[in-house]
C-alpha atoms as a PDB file:
ATOM      1  CA  MET A   1     -89.520 176.847  33.974  1.00  0.00           C
ATOM      2  CA  THR A   2     -88.235 174.430  30.570  1.00  0.00           C
ATOM      3  CA  ILE A   3     -90.811 172.203  28.901  1.00  0.00           C
ATOM      4  CA  ALA A   4     -89.026 169.598  27.494  1.00  0.00           C
ATOM      5  CA  ILE A   5     -89.964 169.011  23.853  1.00  0.00           C
ATOM      6  CA  PRO A   6     -89.508 165.454  22.625  1.00  0.00           C
ATOM      7  CA  THR A   7     -88.404 165.829  19.010  1.00  0.00           C
ATOM      8  CA  ILE A   8     -87.621 162.639  16.377  1.00  0.00           C
ATOM      9  CA  SER A   9     -83.811 161.913  15.320  1.00  0.00           C
ATOM     10  CA  ARG A  10     -82.060 162.120  12.200  1.00  0.00           C
ATOM     11  CA  ARG A  11     -81.493 158.483  12.111  1.00  0.00           C
ATOM     12  CA  THR A  12     -85.440 157.418  13.286  1.00  0.00           C
ATOM     13  CA  ILE A  13     -85.957 159.678  10.092  1.00  0.00           C
ATOM     14  CA  ARG A  14     -83.810 158.291   8.200  1.00  0.00           C
ATOM     15  CA  LYS A  15     -84.944 154.208   9.250  1.00  0.00           C
ATOM     16  CA  TRP A  16     -88.690 155.320   7.743  1.00  0.00           C
ATOM     17  CA  GLU A  17     -88.318 156.791   4.460  1.00  0.00           C
ATOM     18  CA  LYS A  18     -86.227 153.656   3.917  1.00  0.00           C
ATOM     19  CA  ILE A  19     -88.851 151.752   4.405  1.00  0.00           C
ATOM     20  CA  LEU A  20     -91.473 153.708   2.736  1.00  0.00           C
ATOM     21  CA  LEU A  21     -88.786 154.084  -0.653  1.00  0.00           C
ATOM     22  CA  SER A  22     -88.466 150.351   0.441  1.00  0.00           C
ATOM     23  CA  ASN A  23     -92.632 149.773  -0.377  1.00  0.00           C
ATOM     24  CA  LYS A  24     -93.413 150.243  -3.713  1.00  0.00           C
ATOM     25  CA  VAL A  25     -96.500 149.212  -4.266  1.00  0.00           C
ATOM     26  CA  PHE A  26     -97.210 151.717  -0.695  1.00  0.00           C
ATOM     27  CA  MET A  27     -96.117 153.709  -2.282  1.00  0.00           C
ATOM     28  CA  ALA A  28     -97.141 153.759  -5.167  1.00  0.00           C
ATOM     29  CA  GLY A  29    -100.977 153.698  -4.020  1.00  0.00           C
ATOM     30  CA  LEU A  30     -99.798 156.362  -1.916  1.00  0.00           C
ATOM     31  CA  VAL A  31     -99.110 158.147  -5.144  1.00  0.00           C
ATOM     32  CA  ILE A  32    -102.474 158.086  -6.722  1.00  0.00           C
ATOM     33  CA  PHE A  33    -104.570 158.683  -3.823  1.00  0.00           C
ATOM     34  CA  LEU A  34    -102.323 162.046  -2.907  1.00  0.00           C
ATOM     35  CA  ILE A  35    -103.221 162.870  -6.742  1.00  0.00           C
ATOM     36  CA  TYR A  36    -106.656 163.122  -5.836  1.00  0.00           C
ATOM     37  CA  VAL A  37    -106.528 164.887  -2.689  1.00  0.00           C
ATOM     38  CA  LEU A  38    -105.099 167.918  -4.733  1.00  0.00           C
ATOM     39  CA  MET A  39    -107.160 167.157  -7.399  1.00  0.00           C
ATOM     40  CA  GLY A  40    -110.366 167.487  -4.794  1.00  0.00           C
ATOM     41  CA  THR A  41    -108.072 171.021  -3.149  1.00  0.00           C
ATOM     42  CA  VAL A  42    -105.102 172.258  -5.230  1.00  0.00           C
ATOM     43  CA  GLY A  43    -108.502 171.920  -8.427  1.00  0.00           C
ATOM     44  CA  LEU A  44    -110.592 173.768  -7.801  1.00  0.00           C
ATOM     45  CA  LEU A  45    -108.711 176.757  -8.189  1.00  0.00           C
ATOM     46  CA  ILE A  46    -107.663 175.589 -11.937  1.00  0.00           C
ATOM     47  CA  VAL A  47    -110.509 174.282 -13.224  1.00  0.00           C
ATOM     48  CA  PRO A  48    -113.847 175.557 -13.358  1.00  0.00           C
ATOM     49  CA  PRO A  49    -116.832 174.806 -10.927  1.00  0.00           C
ATOM     50  CA  PRO A  50    -119.638 172.962 -13.342  1.00  0.00           C
ATOM     51  CA  LEU A  51    -122.360 176.047 -13.417  1.00  0.00           C
ATOM     52  CA  GLY A  52    -125.035 176.874 -15.673  1.00  0.00           C
ATOM     53  CA  LYS A  53    -123.178 179.774 -16.741  1.00  0.00           C
ATOM     54  CA  TYR A  54    -121.160 177.579 -18.492  1.00  0.00           C
ATOM     55  CA  ALA A  55    -123.506 175.394 -19.806  1.00  0.00           C
ATOM     56  CA  ASN A  56    -123.861 175.167 -23.643  1.00  0.00           C
ATOM     57  CA  PRO A  57    -126.424 172.658 -24.937  1.00  0.00           C
ATOM     58  CA  ALA A  58    -125.645 172.528 -28.661  1.00  0.00           C
ATOM     59  CA  ILE A  59    -122.076 170.430 -27.110  1.00  0.00           C
ATOM     60  CA  ALA A  60    -123.831 168.097 -24.560  1.00  0.00           C
ATOM     61  CA  PHE A  61    -121.964 164.868 -24.825  1.00  0.00           C
ATOM     62  CA  MET A  62    -119.062 165.691 -27.524  1.00  0.00           C
ATOM     63  CA  PRO A  63    -116.490 163.564 -26.482  1.00  0.00           C
ATOM     64  CA  PRO A  64    -112.397 164.234 -25.329  1.00  0.00           C
ATOM     65  CA  SER A  65    -111.448 166.759 -27.631  1.00  0.00           C
ATOM     66  CA  LEU A  66    -108.214 169.508 -27.138  1.00  0.00           C
ATOM     67  CA  LYS A  67    -110.239 172.670 -28.081  1.00  0.00           C
ATOM     68  CA  ASP A  68    -109.616 174.690 -24.740  1.00  0.00           C
ATOM     69  CA  PHE A  69    -106.545 172.466 -23.433  1.00  0.00           C
ATOM     70  CA  PRO A  70    -107.581 170.444 -20.859  1.00  0.00           C
ATOM     71  CA  LEU A  71    -111.381 172.340 -20.386  1.00  0.00           C
ATOM     72  CA  TYR A  72    -112.344 169.766 -23.179  1.00  0.00           C
ATOM     73  CA  ILE A  73    -109.868 166.632 -22.638  1.00  0.00           C
ATOM     74  CA  PHE A  74    -112.541 164.851 -21.023  1.00  0.00           C
ATOM     75  CA  GLY A  75    -115.647 166.139 -23.090  1.00  0.00           C
ATOM     76  CA  THR A  76    -118.577 167.465 -21.817  1.00  0.00           C
ATOM     77  CA  ASP A  77    -121.513 166.638 -19.881  1.00  0.00           C
ATOM     78  CA  TYR A  78    -125.465 166.322 -20.663  1.00  0.00           C
ATOM     79  CA  GLU A  79    -126.451 170.302 -20.149  1.00  0.00           C
ATOM     80  CA  GLY A  80    -122.544 170.518 -22.570  1.00  0.00           C
ATOM     81  CA  ILE A  81    -120.573 171.866 -18.921  1.00  0.00           C
ATOM     82  CA  PRO A  82    -116.710 170.338 -19.531  1.00  0.00           C
ATOM     83  CA  LEU A  83    -117.294 166.440 -18.276  1.00  0.00           C
ATOM     84  CA  ILE A  84    -113.291 167.329 -16.374  1.00  0.00           C
ATOM     85  CA  SER A  85    -115.552 170.007 -14.028  1.00  0.00           C
ATOM     86  CA  ASP A  86    -118.172 167.007 -12.702  1.00  0.00           C
ATOM     87  CA  ILE A  87    -114.692 165.488 -11.891  1.00  0.00           C
ATOM     88  CA  VAL A  88    -112.219 167.626  -9.596  1.00  0.00           C
ATOM     89  CA  TRP A  89    -115.161 169.667  -8.631  1.00  0.00           C
ATOM     90  CA  GLY A  90    -116.773 166.256  -7.421  1.00  0.00           C
ATOM     91  CA  THR A  91    -113.796 164.401  -5.731  1.00  0.00           C
ATOM     92  CA  PRO A  92    -114.183 166.703  -2.683  1.00  0.00           C
ATOM     93  CA  PHE A  93    -117.277 165.469  -1.967  1.00  0.00           C
ATOM     94  CA  ILE A  94    -116.479 161.177  -1.903  1.00  0.00           C
ATOM     95  CA  LEU A  95    -112.726 162.035  -0.860  1.00  0.00           C
ATOM     96  CA  GLU A  96    -114.833 163.082   3.285  1.00  0.00           C
ATOM     97  CA  VAL A  97    -117.960 160.559   3.040  1.00  0.00           C
ATOM     98  CA  THR A  98    -115.757 157.562   2.205  1.00  0.00           C
ATOM     99  CA  ALA A  99    -113.301 159.552   5.316  1.00  0.00           C
ATOM    100  CA  LEU A 100    -115.766 159.961   7.893  1.00  0.00           C
ATOM    101  CA  ALA A 101    -117.516 155.905   6.650  1.00  0.00           C
ATOM    102  CA  SER A 102    -113.943 154.001   6.970  1.00  0.00           C
ATOM    103  CA  VAL A 103    -113.366 156.213  10.625  1.00  0.00           C
ATOM    104  CA  ILE A 104    -115.957 156.022  12.617  1.00  0.00           C
ATOM    105  CA  THR A 105    -115.855 151.851  11.292  1.00  0.00           C
ATOM    106  CA  ILE A 106    -112.597 151.642  12.646  1.00  0.00           C
ATOM    107  CA  GLY A 107    -113.095 153.278  15.461  1.00  0.00           C
ATOM    108  CA  LEU A 108    -116.728 151.588  16.029  1.00  0.00           C
ATOM    109  CA  GLY A 109    -114.810 148.017  15.102  1.00  0.00           C
ATOM    110  CA  VAL A 110    -112.274 149.160  17.212  1.00  0.00           C
ATOM    111  CA  ILE A 111    -113.739 149.937  20.604  1.00  0.00           C
ATOM    112  CA  LEU A 112    -116.284 147.825  20.790  1.00  0.00           C
ATOM    113  CA  GLY A 113    -114.356 145.299  19.443  1.00  0.00           C
ATOM    114  CA  LEU A 114    -111.294 145.886  22.720  1.00  0.00           C
ATOM    115  CA  LEU A 115    -113.986 145.809  25.053  1.00  0.00           C
ATOM    116  CA  ALA A 116    -115.319 142.469  25.208  1.00  0.00           C
ATOM    117  CA  GLY A 117    -112.370 140.640  24.014  1.00  0.00           C
ATOM    118  CA  TYR A 118    -110.185 142.844  27.265  1.00  0.00           C
ATOM    119  CA  ILE A 119    -113.003 143.180  29.948  1.00  0.00           C
ATOM    120  CA  GLY A 120    -114.781 139.874  29.487  1.00  0.00           C
ATOM    121  CA  GLY A 121    -117.977 138.389  31.154  1.00  0.00           C
ATOM    122  CA  LEU A 122    -121.819 139.767  30.264  1.00  0.00           C
ATOM    123  CA  THR A 123    -120.067 143.129  28.856  1.00  0.00           C
ATOM    124  CA  ASP A 124    -117.972 140.267  26.621  1.00  0.00           C
ATOM    125  CA  LYS A 125    -121.954 138.648  25.841  1.00  0.00           C
ATOM    126  CA  VAL A 126    -123.806 141.307  25.365  1.00  0.00           C
ATOM    127  CA  LEU A 127    -121.361 142.912  22.911  1.00  0.00           C
ATOM    128  CA  SER A 128    -121.275 139.750  20.924  1.00  0.00           C
ATOM    129  CA  ALA A 129    -124.116 139.441  20.580  1.00  0.00           C
ATOM    130  CA  ILE A 130    -125.028 142.590  19.016  1.00  0.00           C
ATOM    131  CA  PHE A 131    -122.287 141.554  16.764  1.00  0.00           C
ATOM    132  CA  ASP A 132    -123.659 138.141  15.398  1.00  0.00           C
ATOM    133  CA  ILE A 133    -126.964 140.203  15.380  1.00  0.00           C
ATOM    134  CA  ILE A 134    -125.655 142.409  12.987  1.00  0.00           C
ATOM    135  CA  LEU A 135    -123.400 140.563  11.332  1.00  0.00           C
ATOM    136  CA  THR A 136    -126.629 138.478  10.128  1.00  0.00           C
ATOM    137  CA  LEU A 137    -128.676 141.685   9.378  1.00  0.00           C
ATOM    138  CA  PRO A 138    -130.351 142.420   5.448  1.00  0.00           C
ATOM    139  CA  THR A 139    -127.404 145.495   5.062  1.00  0.00           C
ATOM    140  CA  PHE A 140    -127.324 146.176   1.992  1.00  0.00           C
ATOM    141  CA  PRO A 141    -131.844 146.890   1.369  1.00  0.00           C
ATOM    142  CA  ILE A 142    -131.657 148.940   4.658  1.00  0.00           C
ATOM    143  CA  ILE A 143    -128.907 151.331   3.341  1.00  0.00           C
ATOM    144  CA  LEU A 144    -131.009 152.113   0.372  1.00  0.00           C
ATOM    145  CA  ILE A 145    -134.346 152.581   2.159  1.00  0.00           C
ATOM    146  CA  LEU A 146    -132.706 154.992   4.281  1.00  0.00           C
ATOM    147  CA  ALA A 147    -131.000 156.580   2.059  1.00  0.00           C
ATOM    148  CA  THR A 148    -133.957 156.776   0.133  1.00  0.00           C
ATOM    149  CA  MET A 149    -136.183 157.681   3.329  1.00  0.00           C
ATOM    150  CA  ILE A 150    -133.313 160.183   4.743  1.00  0.00           C
ATOM    151  CA  HIS A 151    -132.637 161.939   1.608  1.00  0.00           C
ATOM    152  CA  THR A 152    -129.978 163.969   1.698  1.00  0.00           C
ATOM    153  CA  ASN A 153    -126.222 165.050   0.135  1.00  0.00           C
ATOM    154  CA  SER A 154    -124.759 165.583   3.839  1.00  0.00           C
ATOM    155  CA  PRO A 155    -121.285 164.198   3.984  1.00  0.00           C
ATOM    156  CA  ILE A 156    -121.801 162.962   7.706  1.00  0.00           C
ATOM    157  CA  ILE A 157    -125.502 161.104   7.580  1.00  0.00           C
ATOM    158  CA  LEU A 158    -124.496 159.805   3.762  1.00  0.00           C
ATOM    159  CA  ALA A 159    -120.815 158.392   5.333  1.00  0.00           C
ATOM    160  CA  GLY A 160    -123.220 157.551   9.289  1.00  0.00           C
ATOM    161  CA  ILE A 161    -125.224 155.202   6.662  1.00  0.00           C
ATOM    162  CA  LEU A 162    -123.026 153.357   4.747  1.00  0.00           C
ATOM    163  CA  SER A 163    -120.865 152.934   7.813  1.00  0.00           C
ATOM    164  CA  MET A 164    -123.931 151.968  10.123  1.00  0.00           C
ATOM    165  CA  PHE A 165    -123.626 147.339  10.358  1.00  0.00           C
ATOM    166  CA  SER A 166    -120.018 147.015   9.180  1.00  0.00           C
ATOM    167  CA  TRP A 167    -117.864 148.062  12.207  1.00  0.00           C
ATOM    168  CA  ALA A 168    -119.190 145.261  13.109  1.00  0.00           C
ATOM    169  CA  GLY A 169    -117.590 142.359  11.796  1.00  0.00           C
ATOM    170  CA  LEU A 170    -114.691 144.397  12.252  1.00  0.00           C
ATOM    171  CA  ALA A 171    -115.558 144.378  15.561  1.00  0.00           C
ATOM    172  CA  ARG A 172    -115.768 140.259  16.272  1.00  0.00           C
ATOM    173  CA  SER A 173    -112.184 140.143  14.584  1.00  0.00           C
ATOM    174  CA  VAL A 174    -110.865 142.670  17.080  1.00  0.00           C
ATOM    175  CA  ARG A 175    -112.280 140.803  19.670  1.00  0.00           C
ATOM    176  CA  GLY A 176    -110.778 137.550  18.286  1.00  0.00           C
ATOM    177  CA  PHE A 177    -107.086 138.762  18.789  1.00  0.00           C
ATOM    178  CA  THR A 178    -107.837 140.460  22.073  1.00  0.00           C
ATOM    179  CA  TYR A 179    -108.540 137.361  23.681  1.00  0.00           C
ATOM    180  CA  SER A 180    -105.447 135.659  21.998  1.00  0.00           C
ATOM    181  CA  LEU A 181    -103.602 138.737  23.729  1.00  0.00           C
ATOM    182  CA  LYS A 182    -104.601 138.866  26.903  1.00  0.00           C
ATOM    183  CA  ASN A 183    -103.566 136.141  28.240  1.00  0.00           C
ATOM    184  CA  GLN A 184     -99.667 136.489  27.254  1.00  0.00           C
ATOM    185  CA  GLY A 185     -96.826 137.259  29.432  1.00  0.00           C
ATOM    186  CA  TYR A 186     -95.953 140.832  28.585  1.00  0.00           C
ATOM    187  CA  ILE A 187     -99.911 141.785  29.162  1.00  0.00           C
ATOM    188  CA  GLU A 188     -99.856 140.346  32.273  1.00  0.00           C
ATOM    189  CA  VAL A 189     -96.620 142.045  33.408  1.00  0.00           C
ATOM    190  CA  ALA A 190     -97.627 145.431  32.608  1.00  0.00           C
ATOM    191  CA  ARG A 191    -100.940 144.224  35.131  1.00  0.00           C
ATOM    192  CA  ILE A 192     -98.018 143.955  37.643  1.00  0.00           C
ATOM    193  CA  LEU A 193     -96.205 146.245  37.306  1.00  0.00           C
ATOM    194  CA  GLY A 194     -99.805 148.586  37.759  1.00  0.00           C
ATOM    195  CA  PHE A 195    -101.182 149.657  34.491  1.00  0.00           C
ATOM    196  CA  ASN A 196    -104.381 150.277  33.495  1.00  0.00           C
ATOM    197  CA  THR A 197    -107.026 148.956  31.645  1.00  0.00           C
ATOM    198  CA  ARG A 198    -106.955 152.080  29.014  1.00  0.00           C
ATOM    199  CA  LYS A 199    -103.511 151.783  28.939  1.00  0.00           C
ATOM    200  CA  ILE A 200    -102.143 148.469  28.104  1.00  0.00           C
ATOM    201  CA  ILE A 201    -105.594 148.101  25.373  1.00  0.00           C
ATOM    202  CA  LEU A 202    -104.577 151.398  23.941  1.00  0.00           C
ATOM    203  CA  GLY A 203    -100.685 150.693  24.547  1.00  0.00           C
ATOM    204  CA  GLU A 204    -100.081 147.251  24.406  1.00  0.00           C
ATOM    205  CA  MET A 205    -102.406 145.615  22.865  1.00  0.00           C
ATOM    206  CA  ILE A 206    -103.567 147.643  19.422  1.00  0.00           C
ATOM    207  CA  TYR A 207    -100.946 147.133  18.153  1.00  0.00           C
ATOM    208  CA  PRO A 208     -99.668 144.287  17.008  1.00  0.00           C
ATOM    209  CA  MET A 209    -103.138 144.903  15.597  1.00  0.00           C
ATOM    210  CA  MET A 210    -102.042 147.854  13.452  1.00  0.00           C
ATOM    211  CA  PRO A 211    -101.340 145.653   9.760  1.00  0.00           C
ATOM    212  CA  TYR A 212    -104.402 144.001   9.663  1.00  0.00           C
ATOM    213  CA  ILE A 213    -106.658 147.465  10.658  1.00  0.00           C
ATOM    214  CA  LEU A 214    -104.745 149.741   8.272  1.00  0.00           C
ATOM    215  CA  VAL A 215    -105.580 147.245   5.674  1.00  0.00           C
ATOM    216  CA  HIS A 216    -109.176 147.488   7.182  1.00  0.00           C
ATOM    217  CA  LEU A 217    -109.088 151.004   6.803  1.00  0.00           C
ATOM    218  CA  PHE A 218    -108.316 151.225   2.912  1.00  0.00           C
ATOM    219  CA  GLN A 219    -109.636 148.514   2.374  1.00  0.00           C
ATOM    220  CA  ASP A 220    -113.094 149.747   3.893  1.00  0.00           C
ATOM    221  CA  MET A 221    -112.600 153.473   1.524  1.00  0.00           C
ATOM    222  CA  MET A 222    -112.585 151.018  -1.300  1.00  0.00           C
ATOM    223  CA  PHE A 223    -116.085 150.105  -0.493  1.00  0.00           C
ATOM    224  CA  TYR A 224    -117.368 153.155   0.657  1.00  0.00           C
ATOM    225  CA  VAL A 225    -116.848 154.187  -3.012  1.00  0.00           C
ATOM    226  CA  TYR A 226    -119.325 151.834  -4.570  1.00  0.00           C
ATOM    227  CA  GLY A 227    -121.937 151.790  -2.398  1.00  0.00           C
ATOM    228  CA  LEU A 228    -122.041 156.319  -2.073  1.00  0.00           C
ATOM    229  CA  VAL A 229    -121.341 156.475  -6.391  1.00  0.00           C
ATOM    230  CA  GLY A 230    -123.631 153.200  -6.615  1.00  0.00           C
ATOM    231  CA  LEU A 231    -126.542 154.883  -4.733  1.00  0.00           C
ATOM    232  CA  TYR A 232    -126.286 158.238  -6.795  1.00  0.00           C
ATOM    233  CA  ALA A 233    -125.393 156.603 -10.563  1.00  0.00           C
ATOM    234  CA  TYR A 234    -129.539 154.213  -9.194  1.00  0.00           C
ATOM    235  CA  GLY A 235    -130.789 157.543  -8.437  1.00  0.00           C
ATOM    236  CA  PHE A 236    -131.465 156.633  -4.516  1.00  0.00           C
ATOM    237  CA  LEU A 237    -130.730 160.508  -3.126  1.00  0.00           C
ATOM    238  CA  PRO A 238    -130.935 163.528  -4.768  1.00  0.00           C
ATOM    239  CA  LEU A 239    -129.211 164.438  -8.005  1.00  0.00           C
ATOM    240  CA  THR A 240    -126.979 167.457  -7.960  1.00  0.00           C
ATOM    241  CA  THR A 241    -123.628 168.814  -9.989  1.00  0.00           C
ATOM    242  CA  ALA A 242    -120.636 167.336  -9.148  1.00  0.00           C
ATOM    243  CA  ASN A 243    -121.009 164.671  -8.617  1.00  0.00           C
ATOM    244  CA  TRP A 244    -119.322 160.819  -9.753  1.00  0.00           C
ATOM    245  CA  GLY A 245    -121.890 159.043  -9.085  1.00  0.00           C
ATOM    246  CA  VAL A 246    -124.536 161.819 -10.880  1.00  0.00           C
ATOM    247  CA  VAL A 247    -122.597 161.707 -14.899  1.00  0.00           C
ATOM    248  CA  LEU A 248    -123.227 157.925 -13.890  1.00  0.00           C
ATOM    249  CA  ASN A 249    -126.751 158.312 -13.554  1.00  0.00           C
ATOM    250  CA  PHE A 250    -127.788 160.512 -16.641  1.00  0.00           C
ATOM    251  CA  ALA A 251    -124.763 159.110 -18.370  1.00  0.00           C
ATOM    252  CA  ILE A 252    -127.743 155.843 -18.879  1.00  0.00           C
ATOM    253  CA  SER A 253    -130.290 157.780 -17.982  1.00  0.00           C
ATOM    254  CA  ILE A 254    -129.974 160.541 -20.929  1.00  0.00           C
ATOM    255  CA  GLY A 255    -127.178 159.286 -23.035  1.00  0.00           C
ATOM    256  CA  GLY A 256    -128.321 156.172 -22.824  1.00  0.00           C
ATOM    257  CA  ALA A 257    -124.746 154.854 -22.889  1.00  0.00           C
ATOM    258  CA  ILE A 258    -125.642 151.328 -22.664  1.00  0.00           C
ATOM    259  CA  TYR A 259    -128.560 151.722 -25.365  1.00  0.00           C
ATOM    260  CA  SER A 260    -126.128 153.571 -27.438  1.00  0.00           C
ATOM    261  CA  PRO A 261    -122.722 156.047 -28.223  1.00  0.00           C
ATOM    262  CA  LEU A 262    -124.258 159.306 -27.635  1.00  0.00           C
ATOM    263  CA  GLY A 263    -123.409 159.431 -22.944  1.00  0.00           C
ATOM    264  CA  PHE A 264    -120.431 156.423 -23.405  1.00  0.00           C
ATOM    265  CA  TRP A 265    -117.823 158.907 -22.569  1.00  0.00           C
ATOM    266  CA  ASN A 266    -119.685 159.742 -19.964  1.00  0.00           C
ATOM    267  CA  LEU A 267    -120.198 156.808 -18.957  1.00  0.00           C
ATOM    268  CA  ILE A 268    -116.414 155.150 -19.366  1.00  0.00           C
ATOM    269  CA  ILE A 269    -114.995 159.058 -17.975  1.00  0.00           C
ATOM    270  CA  PRO A 270    -115.964 158.840 -14.217  1.00  0.00           C
ATOM    271  CA  LEU A 271    -115.187 154.827 -14.322  1.00  0.00           C
ATOM    272  CA  MET A 272    -111.925 155.342 -15.515  1.00  0.00           C
ATOM    273  CA  THR A 273    -110.858 157.806 -12.140  1.00  0.00           C
ATOM    274  CA  ILE A 274    -113.102 155.485  -9.694  1.00  0.00           C
ATOM    275  CA  ILE A 275    -110.889 152.571 -10.978  1.00  0.00           C
ATOM    276  CA  VAL A 276    -108.137 154.345 -11.043  1.00  0.00           C
ATOM    277  CA  TYR A 277    -108.705 155.650  -7.391  1.00  0.00           C
ATOM    278  CA  GLU A 278    -109.420 152.108  -6.105  1.00  0.00           C
ATOM    279  CA  VAL A 279    -106.072 150.428  -7.372  1.00  0.00           C
ATOM    280  CA  GLY A 280    -104.651 153.672  -5.300  1.00  0.00           C
ATOM    281  CA  LEU A 281    -106.087 152.401  -2.136  1.00  0.00           C
ATOM    282  CA  MET A 282    -105.220 148.710  -3.034  1.00  0.00           C
ATOM    283  CA  PHE A 283    -102.485 148.846  -3.516  1.00  0.00           C
ATOM    284  CA  MET A 284    -101.855 151.334  -0.365  1.00  0.00           C
ATOM    285  CA  ALA A 285    -103.908 148.162   1.554  1.00  0.00           C
ATOM    286  CA  LEU A 286    -101.676 144.955   0.524  1.00  0.00           C
ATOM    287  CA  GLY A 287     -98.256 147.658   1.318  1.00  0.00           C
ATOM    288  CA  ALA A 288     -99.940 148.717   4.594  1.00  0.00           C
ATOM    289  CA  ASP A 289     -99.225 145.112   6.424  1.00  0.00           C
ATOM    290  CA  MET A 290     -95.060 145.581   5.309  1.00  0.00           C
ATOM    291  CA  LEU A 291     -95.388 149.535   6.744  1.00  0.00           C
ATOM    292  CA  VAL A 292     -96.231 148.472   9.671  1.00  0.00           C
ATOM    293  CA  ASN A 293     -94.772 144.353  10.521  1.00  0.00           C
ATOM    294  CA  PRO A 294     -91.499 145.012  10.943  1.00  0.00           C
ATOM    295  CA  ARG A 295     -91.023 140.862  10.534  1.00  0.00           C
ATOM    296  CA  MET A 296     -92.772 141.770   6.309  1.00  0.00           C
ATOM    297  CA  ARG A 297     -89.264 143.564   5.834  1.00  0.00           C
ATOM    298  CA  GLU A 298     -86.466 143.558   4.638  1.00  0.00           C
ATOM    299  CA  PHE A 299     -83.473 144.558   6.387  1.00  0.00           C
END
């Protein structure tokens, strides 16, 4: 017995190549994002880790230099360790936590929003009440309190803390989308044809929402970078090596970056690293609608 394996035609591949290449905004963001992914993977094989054996207090807070290029291209941190090591080895943690938090937010928001809007009745009332309660909570102070109390560097726990409340806004929006879609003609036809609830929701209703969901995904990653780095920069989480937020913390607390030029580069380099990454995510968010919405394309 042979099993037919579906294949993608060359025409389909060329079509998507044309769509991707024509979407210059999304491609620019994707290139930036892939550079950071490479920095957090391949970069670990090239740049030495920020271990104590590389520390040299005599050159602490050294400005960028071409000495031993590219080791000191960003200067050194408060221990005299090359700052490029802190940046490169801190990238995987940032990517992991923000990606996990975004997946949790999208997963909970989309699933609960679809269930509330499609099933309706008591389910909708209960879930809507939960959405409204969460949206009225002072989420920022709660996150600070939880981060301080739990005081962990676990990516899964931190992702859960960051995304604990942010899914409610997405769920409420998806619920509204679902209400407007479930009475459409093609949904009625799907019910008549005997499609089950799972197929109708995941196969017929979620597709029109994909532009909004995809944009929300990239925006969430942007916000979570700020949130995670901020928690470390202000000392709400354990201070560790190889972390963008910790570099900022020491640049201010030890280098006096705000008041003196000593820790200036330890402040500027991580900030520029964060800004470029945020710009990449912003470009991907702006270009996402054209990528998944045929009506936004020029051909």
